[in-house]
Amino acid sequence: MTFLFVSLPLVAQENQGKSEESKDGQQNFQMPKTMFLPMVTILGVYQPESEIIDAKIPFFMPMAQARFSHRFTEWGKLPELSFNANGELAPVWLNAQASFDIKPFKFLTFSAGGKIGTSWGMDMGFIAFDLIGEYDAEKARYDAFTPFSHWVCEGFLQAAFAYDIGSLLAKEKQHITFKTNFRASYIGMTGVANGEIWMSQGQKGMVNGFCYSVTTSLDYKLPFSFPITTGASANVAGYFSDCFFDEKYKGFDGDFTTITLAATATASITRKDMFMLMIPFSGVRKFDTTDAEKQPLMQIEDGRRWKWGGIVLTYTHIF
């Protein structure tokens, strides 16, 4: 997993105030039905072992982000139905996503939606990379695409569970949140034949087909005057079957599962300013050689190797 170029989830701190009832039983506070949250994120990365990035020093990248949501039901009443959309623009990628979400219980959310995006390359002397292209089996390399000529599209179904087990055990004095998310989707790139391997946002070994992702995390909210949360997460992702890969890539083990473990920490210094730190470790394919360009045609040596994904630090400001 090339962690840097997997789009970071939009970080937005929505109003978390609880409703208060006056003497006549009317609520004094209501969450707005419609919200629009523009924001900017500064992404700082140190990733010394990347196969994509030709840089051994930390670097920073600005991203413009926006989040829109509209709730169709009355606030505080279940089931809750809402429409959510978000967008992200960075110097080397562009993404947009929309979904309809239904929450039958406070701890469970089901979603259905779609996503579209593209990426390109950059060469600034001290850092250079190409993020999107198709694998050429004859040349044994990825050929980069012209910017905005190919787009990655995804349709997905998702189920998310989140529960504050700490407040349950400690009567609201401790907050330990358990979250798990399952996402099944069909993902494909325009202009690429089925079965052919492509890369997008630095992720190699992709094909048009059905894939999955499962993420589980455990977060502890520290009892400080401003919100600080530490935790750990685990993600497993891959294709449901290797049948989506062309015959010439059968040695590539198409349904191989990538595992990513990460230590995380967030700090909300104000209601509109947040820092996030992530240190990931990934279990990726292990080949019988280190020649990265020829990997799609090589046999797996013994399945998996682990590598440090570097350090990712973000600062987000909501306008």
Protein backbone atom coordinates (compact mmCIF):
# COMPACT_ATOMS: atom_id res chain seq x y z
CA MET A 1 0.00 0.00 0.00
CA THR A 2 1.34 3.38 -0.98
CA PHE A 3 -0.24 5.16 1.92
CA LEU A 4 0.35 8.74 0.85
CA PHE A 5 -1.75 8.51 -2.27
CA VAL A 6 -4.74 6.80 -0.79
CA SER A 7 -7.06 9.76 -0.35
CA LEU A 8 -7.31 10.74 3.26
CA PRO A 9 -10.86 10.85 4.62
CA LEU A 10 -12.24 14.36 4.91
CA VAL A 11 -11.70 15.57 8.45
CA ALA A 12 -14.64 17.66 9.59
CA GLN A 13 -15.75 18.50 13.10
CA GLU A 14 -19.50 18.83 13.04
CA ASN A 15 -21.50 20.38 15.84
CA GLN A 16 -21.75 17.83 18.61
CA GLY A 17 -23.99 19.76 20.97
CA LYS A 18 -26.81 17.89 22.65
CA SER A 19 -30.35 19.20 22.62
CA GLU A 20 -31.61 20.86 25.73
CA GLU A 21 -35.27 21.03 26.65
CA SER A 22 -36.88 24.13 28.06
CA LYS A 23 -39.65 24.03 30.66
CA ASP A 24 -42.32 23.80 27.99
CA GLY A 25 -40.59 20.76 26.50
CA GLN A 26 -39.37 22.51 23.34
CA GLN A 27 -35.81 21.95 22.15
CA ASN A 28 -33.57 25.01 22.31
CA PHE A 29 -31.02 23.57 19.90
CA GLN A 30 -31.43 21.87 16.53
CA MET A 31 -28.72 20.59 14.26
CA PRO A 32 -29.10 22.26 10.85
CA LYS A 33 -30.59 20.04 8.19
CA THR A 34 -28.08 21.22 5.59
CA MET A 35 -24.39 21.87 6.18
CA PHE A 36 -21.55 22.92 3.90
CA LEU A 37 -18.03 22.75 5.30
CA PRO A 38 -15.16 24.07 3.15
CA MET A 39 -11.73 23.34 4.55
CA VAL A 40 -8.03 23.24 3.74
CA THR A 41 -5.59 20.53 4.76
CA ILE A 42 -1.81 20.61 4.86
CA LEU A 43 -0.45 17.11 4.38
CA GLY A 44 3.04 16.39 5.68
CA VAL A 45 4.69 13.10 4.72
CA TYR A 46 7.92 11.25 5.43
CA GLN A 47 7.97 8.04 3.38
CA PRO A 48 11.52 6.74 2.84
CA GLU A 49 10.59 3.31 1.39
CA SER A 50 8.15 4.34 -1.34
CA GLU A 51 8.37 2.69 -4.77
CA ILE A 52 6.58 5.66 -6.33
CA ILE A 53 8.05 8.76 -4.68
CA ASP A 54 11.62 9.72 -5.49
CA ALA A 55 12.18 11.64 -2.24
CA LYS A 56 13.88 10.67 1.02
CA ILE A 57 13.03 13.85 2.92
CA PRO A 58 9.75 15.06 4.48
CA PHE A 59 7.55 17.14 2.20
CA PHE A 60 4.25 19.03 2.48
CA MET A 61 1.23 19.26 0.20
CA PRO A 62 -1.87 21.51 0.47
CA MET A 63 -5.33 20.13 -0.27
CA ALA A 64 -8.64 21.96 -0.71
CA GLN A 65 -11.60 19.98 0.62
CA ALA A 66 -15.34 20.45 1.03
CA ARG A 67 -18.11 18.47 2.64
CA PHE A 68 -21.86 18.84 2.04
CA SER A 69 -24.61 17.02 3.90
CA HIS A 70 -28.40 17.18 3.98
CA ARG A 71 -30.57 15.31 6.44
CA PHE A 72 -34.05 14.34 5.28
CA THR A 73 -35.37 13.31 8.70
CA GLU A 74 -35.90 15.16 11.95
CA TRP A 75 -32.77 15.53 14.05
CA GLY A 76 -32.53 13.00 16.86
CA LYS A 77 -35.19 10.72 15.41
CA LEU A 78 -34.32 7.29 14.02
CA PRO A 79 -34.04 6.02 11.38
CA GLU A 80 -31.99 8.93 10.03
CA LEU A 81 -31.67 9.40 6.25
CA SER A 82 -29.14 11.78 4.75
CA PHE A 83 -27.27 12.69 1.58
CA ASN A 84 -23.52 13.31 1.83
CA ALA A 85 -21.03 14.57 -0.73
CA ASN A 86 -17.39 15.52 -0.46
CA GLY A 87 -14.63 16.63 -2.75
CA GLU A 88 -10.86 16.87 -2.57
CA LEU A 89 -8.33 18.67 -4.77
CA ALA A 90 -4.58 18.26 -4.28
CA PRO A 91 -1.64 19.21 -6.53
CA VAL A 92 -1.55 15.63 -7.88
CA TRP A 93 -5.10 14.24 -7.55
CA LEU A 94 -8.80 15.07 -7.71
CA ASN A 95 -11.61 13.10 -6.06
CA ALA A 96 -15.36 13.44 -5.52
CA GLN A 97 -17.76 11.13 -3.68
CA ALA A 98 -21.50 11.09 -2.93
CA SER A 99 -23.69 8.69 -0.96
CA PHE A 100 -27.08 8.18 0.63
CA ASP A 101 -26.82 7.07 4.24
CA ILE A 102 -29.43 5.49 6.47
CA LYS A 103 -28.92 5.07 10.21
CA PRO A 104 -31.50 2.67 11.70
CA PHE A 105 -29.71 2.75 15.07
CA LYS A 106 -27.31 5.23 16.64
CA PHE A 107 -24.42 2.79 16.27
CA LEU A 108 -25.10 1.48 12.74
CA THR A 109 -25.02 3.22 9.34
CA PHE A 110 -25.61 1.79 5.85
CA SER A 111 -24.43 3.67 2.77
CA ALA A 112 -24.70 3.39 -1.01
CA GLY A 113 -22.91 5.71 -3.38
CA GLY A 114 -20.24 6.37 -5.93
CA LYS A 115 -16.83 7.95 -6.33
CA ILE A 116 -14.84 9.36 -9.23
CA GLY A 117 -11.29 10.67 -9.36
CA THR A 118 -8.04 10.95 -11.22
CA SER A 119 -4.39 11.70 -10.55
CA TRP A 120 -1.27 12.72 -12.43
CA GLY A 121 2.46 13.15 -11.92
CA MET A 122 4.90 15.78 -10.71
CA ASP A 123 8.60 16.50 -11.11
CA MET A 124 9.97 19.35 -8.98
CA GLY A 125 13.60 18.28 -8.95
CA PHE A 126 13.75 17.22 -5.31
CA ILE A 127 10.62 15.08 -5.68
CA ALA A 128 9.25 13.22 -8.70
CA PHE A 129 6.54 10.62 -9.33
CA ASP A 130 3.85 9.42 -11.75
CA LEU A 131 0.64 8.31 -10.07
CA ILE A 132 -1.58 6.97 -12.85
CA GLY A 133 -0.90 4.62 -15.75
CA GLU A 134 -1.29 1.16 -17.28
CA TYR A 135 1.11 -1.76 -17.03
CA ASP A 136 2.80 -2.72 -20.31
CA ALA A 137 3.63 -6.43 -20.10
CA GLU A 138 6.03 -6.29 -23.06
CA LYS A 139 8.02 -3.38 -21.64
CA ALA A 140 7.63 -4.66 -18.04
CA ARG A 141 6.76 -1.20 -16.73
CA TYR A 142 3.91 1.19 -16.06
CA ASP A 143 3.30 3.77 -18.80
CA ALA A 144 2.03 7.06 -17.38
CA PHE A 145 -1.21 8.53 -18.74
CA THR A 146 -1.77 12.08 -19.94
CA PRO A 147 -3.38 14.06 -17.09
CA PHE A 148 -7.22 13.96 -17.02
CA SER A 149 -7.38 11.38 -19.84
CA HIS A 150 -8.39 8.49 -17.55
CA TRP A 151 -10.72 8.45 -14.55
CA VAL A 152 -11.26 5.90 -11.80
CA CYS A 153 -14.93 5.22 -11.03
CA GLU A 154 -16.35 3.28 -8.10
CA GLY A 155 -19.80 2.21 -6.97
CA PHE A 156 -20.01 0.97 -3.40
CA LEU A 157 -22.15 -0.44 -0.61
CA GLN A 158 -20.96 0.15 2.94
CA ALA A 159 -21.88 -0.75 6.50
CA ALA A 160 -20.34 1.02 9.50
CA PHE A 161 -20.63 0.19 13.19
CA ALA A 162 -19.46 2.56 15.95
CA TYR A 163 -19.98 2.28 19.68
CA ASP A 164 -18.55 4.08 22.71
CA ILE A 165 -17.85 1.11 24.95
CA GLY A 166 -15.92 3.28 27.42
CA SER A 167 -18.88 5.46 28.36
CA LEU A 168 -21.01 2.34 28.76
CA LEU A 169 -18.59 0.83 31.29
CA ALA A 170 -17.53 4.02 33.07
CA LYS A 171 -20.84 5.96 33.10
CA GLU A 172 -19.77 8.66 30.61
CA LYS A 173 -16.43 9.27 32.37
CA GLN A 174 -14.30 7.40 29.82
CA HIS A 175 -14.66 7.31 26.05
CA ILE A 176 -13.26 4.28 24.20
CA THR A 177 -14.82 4.04 20.76
CA PHE A 178 -14.84 0.85 18.73
CA LYS A 179 -15.48 1.25 15.00
CA THR A 180 -15.63 -1.19 12.13
CA ASN A 181 -16.48 -0.60 8.51
CA PHE A 182 -17.08 -3.00 5.59
CA ARG A 183 -17.09 -1.70 2.02
CA ALA A 184 -17.82 -3.74 -1.10
CA SER A 185 -17.43 -2.03 -4.46
CA TYR A 186 -16.87 -2.29 -8.16
CA ILE A 187 -13.91 -0.19 -9.26
CA GLY A 188 -12.68 0.48 -12.77
CA MET A 189 -10.63 2.88 -14.87
CA THR A 190 -11.92 4.44 -18.08
CA GLY A 191 -10.01 3.54 -21.24
CA VAL A 192 -8.42 0.38 -19.79
CA ALA A 193 -9.50 -3.10 -20.94
CA ASN A 194 -10.83 -5.57 -18.40
CA GLY A 195 -8.07 -7.79 -17.05
CA GLU A 196 -5.28 -5.27 -17.61
CA ILE A 197 -3.35 -3.90 -14.65
CA TRP A 198 -3.31 -0.19 -13.84
CA MET A 199 -2.29 2.13 -11.02
CA SER A 200 -3.98 5.20 -9.59
CA GLN A 201 -2.85 7.56 -6.83
CA GLY A 202 0.24 5.41 -6.44
CA GLN A 203 -1.62 2.13 -5.88
CA LYS A 204 -0.26 -0.50 -8.25
CA GLY A 205 -1.72 -3.85 -9.25
CA MET A 206 -5.30 -2.66 -9.77
CA VAL A 207 -7.79 -4.03 -12.31
CA ASN A 208 -11.44 -3.44 -13.18
CA GLY A 209 -13.40 -5.67 -10.81
CA PHE A 210 -15.15 -6.23 -7.48
CA CYS A 211 -13.12 -5.54 -4.37
CA TYR A 212 -13.57 -5.14 -0.62
CA SER A 213 -12.14 -3.22 2.31
CA VAL A 214 -12.60 -3.83 6.04
CA THR A 215 -11.34 -1.29 8.59
CA THR A 216 -11.48 -1.65 12.38
CA SER A 217 -10.25 0.86 14.95
CA LEU A 218 -10.17 1.42 18.68
CA ASP A 219 -9.79 5.02 19.93
CA TYR A 220 -9.38 6.43 23.42
CA LYS A 221 -10.31 10.05 24.19
CA LEU A 222 -7.85 11.48 26.69
CA PRO A 223 -9.42 13.44 29.59
CA PHE A 224 -7.84 16.79 28.71
CA SER A 225 -9.38 20.25 28.39
CA PHE A 226 -9.33 20.04 24.58
CA PRO A 227 -10.09 16.84 22.62
CA ILE A 228 -7.13 14.51 22.10
CA THR A 229 -7.67 10.97 20.87
CA THR A 230 -5.17 8.14 20.45
CA GLY A 231 -5.81 4.77 18.91
CA ALA A 232 -4.94 1.99 16.54
CA SER A 233 -6.52 0.72 13.35
CA ALA A 234 -6.31 -2.28 11.05
CA ASN A 235 -7.37 -2.47 7.41
CA VAL A 236 -7.57 -5.46 5.06
CA ALA A 237 -8.34 -4.95 1.37
CA GLY A 238 -8.25 -6.87 -1.87
CA TYR A 239 -10.26 -8.35 -4.74
CA PHE A 240 -12.94 -10.98 -4.20
CA SER A 241 -11.36 -13.20 -6.88
CA ASP A 242 -8.34 -13.36 -9.18
CA CYS A 243 -10.70 -13.96 -12.13
CA PHE A 244 -10.64 -10.23 -12.90
CA PHE A 245 -6.97 -10.48 -13.96
CA ASP A 246 -5.88 -11.47 -17.48
CA GLU A 247 -4.37 -14.94 -17.87
CA LYS A 248 -0.85 -13.58 -18.31
CA TYR A 249 -1.02 -12.14 -14.77
CA LYS A 250 -2.11 -15.33 -12.98
CA GLY A 251 1.25 -15.50 -11.17
CA PHE A 252 0.43 -12.12 -9.67
CA ASP A 253 -2.00 -13.65 -7.13
CA GLY A 254 -4.83 -11.26 -7.90
CA ASP A 255 -6.92 -11.87 -4.77
CA PHE A 256 -3.96 -11.22 -2.45
CA THR A 257 -5.03 -9.33 0.70
CA THR A 258 -3.11 -6.24 1.75
CA ILE A 259 -3.03 -5.58 5.50
CA THR A 260 -2.31 -2.17 7.00
CA LEU A 261 -1.85 -1.52 10.72
CA ALA A 262 -1.59 2.04 11.99
CA ALA A 263 -1.10 4.00 15.19
CA THR A 264 -3.13 7.22 15.17
CA ALA A 265 -3.60 10.38 17.19
CA THR A 266 -5.80 13.44 16.70
CA ALA A 267 -5.91 16.77 18.53
CA SER A 268 -8.64 19.37 18.09
CA ILE A 269 -7.06 22.60 19.28
CA THR A 270 -10.24 24.55 18.42
CA ARG A 271 -13.64 23.62 16.94
CA LYS A 272 -12.22 24.43 13.50
CA ASP A 273 -8.62 23.25 13.75
CA MET A 274 -7.40 19.67 13.93
CA PHE A 275 -4.09 17.80 13.77
CA MET A 276 -3.88 14.13 12.84
CA LEU A 277 -0.83 11.85 13.12
CA MET A 278 -0.66 8.40 11.55
CA ILE A 279 2.17 5.84 11.48
CA PRO A 280 1.23 2.90 9.21
CA PHE A 281 2.80 -0.52 8.68
CA SER A 282 1.71 -2.61 5.70
CA GLY A 283 1.86 -6.29 4.85
CA VAL A 284 2.31 -6.37 1.08
CA ARG A 285 3.21 -8.92 -1.63
CA LYS A 286 6.67 -10.45 -1.45
CA PHE A 287 8.25 -11.18 -4.83
CA ASP A 288 11.32 -13.24 -5.74
CA THR A 289 13.15 -10.06 -6.74
CA THR A 290 13.16 -6.40 -5.75
CA ASP A 291 12.71 -5.15 -9.32
CA ALA A 292 9.51 -3.18 -8.75
CA GLU A 293 8.75 -2.53 -12.41
CA LYS A 294 8.53 -6.25 -13.30
CA GLN A 295 6.48 -7.32 -10.29
CA PRO A 296 3.15 -8.03 -12.05
CA LEU A 297 4.74 -10.88 -14.02
CA MET A 298 6.64 -12.47 -11.14
CA GLN A 299 5.72 -15.37 -8.89
CA ILE A 300 5.18 -14.74 -5.18
CA GLU A 301 8.13 -16.01 -3.12
CA ASP A 302 6.47 -16.64 0.24
CA GLY A 303 3.42 -14.43 0.30
CA ARG A 304 3.96 -11.33 2.42
CA ARG A 305 6.51 -8.86 3.64
CA TRP A 306 6.03 -6.02 6.10
CA LYS A 307 7.23 -2.48 5.57
CA TRP A 308 7.03 0.80 7.41
CA GLY A 309 4.75 3.25 5.63
CA GLY A 310 6.45 6.36 7.04
CA ILE A 311 4.86 9.19 9.02
CA VAL A 312 1.79 11.15 7.96
CA LEU A 313 0.84 14.41 9.69
CA THR A 314 -2.11 16.58 8.65
CA TYR A 315 -3.42 19.93 9.78
CA THR A 316 -7.02 20.80 8.82
CA HIS A 317 -8.80 24.13 9.16
CA ILE A 318 -12.56 24.39 8.63
CA PHE A 319 -13.85 27.76 7.39
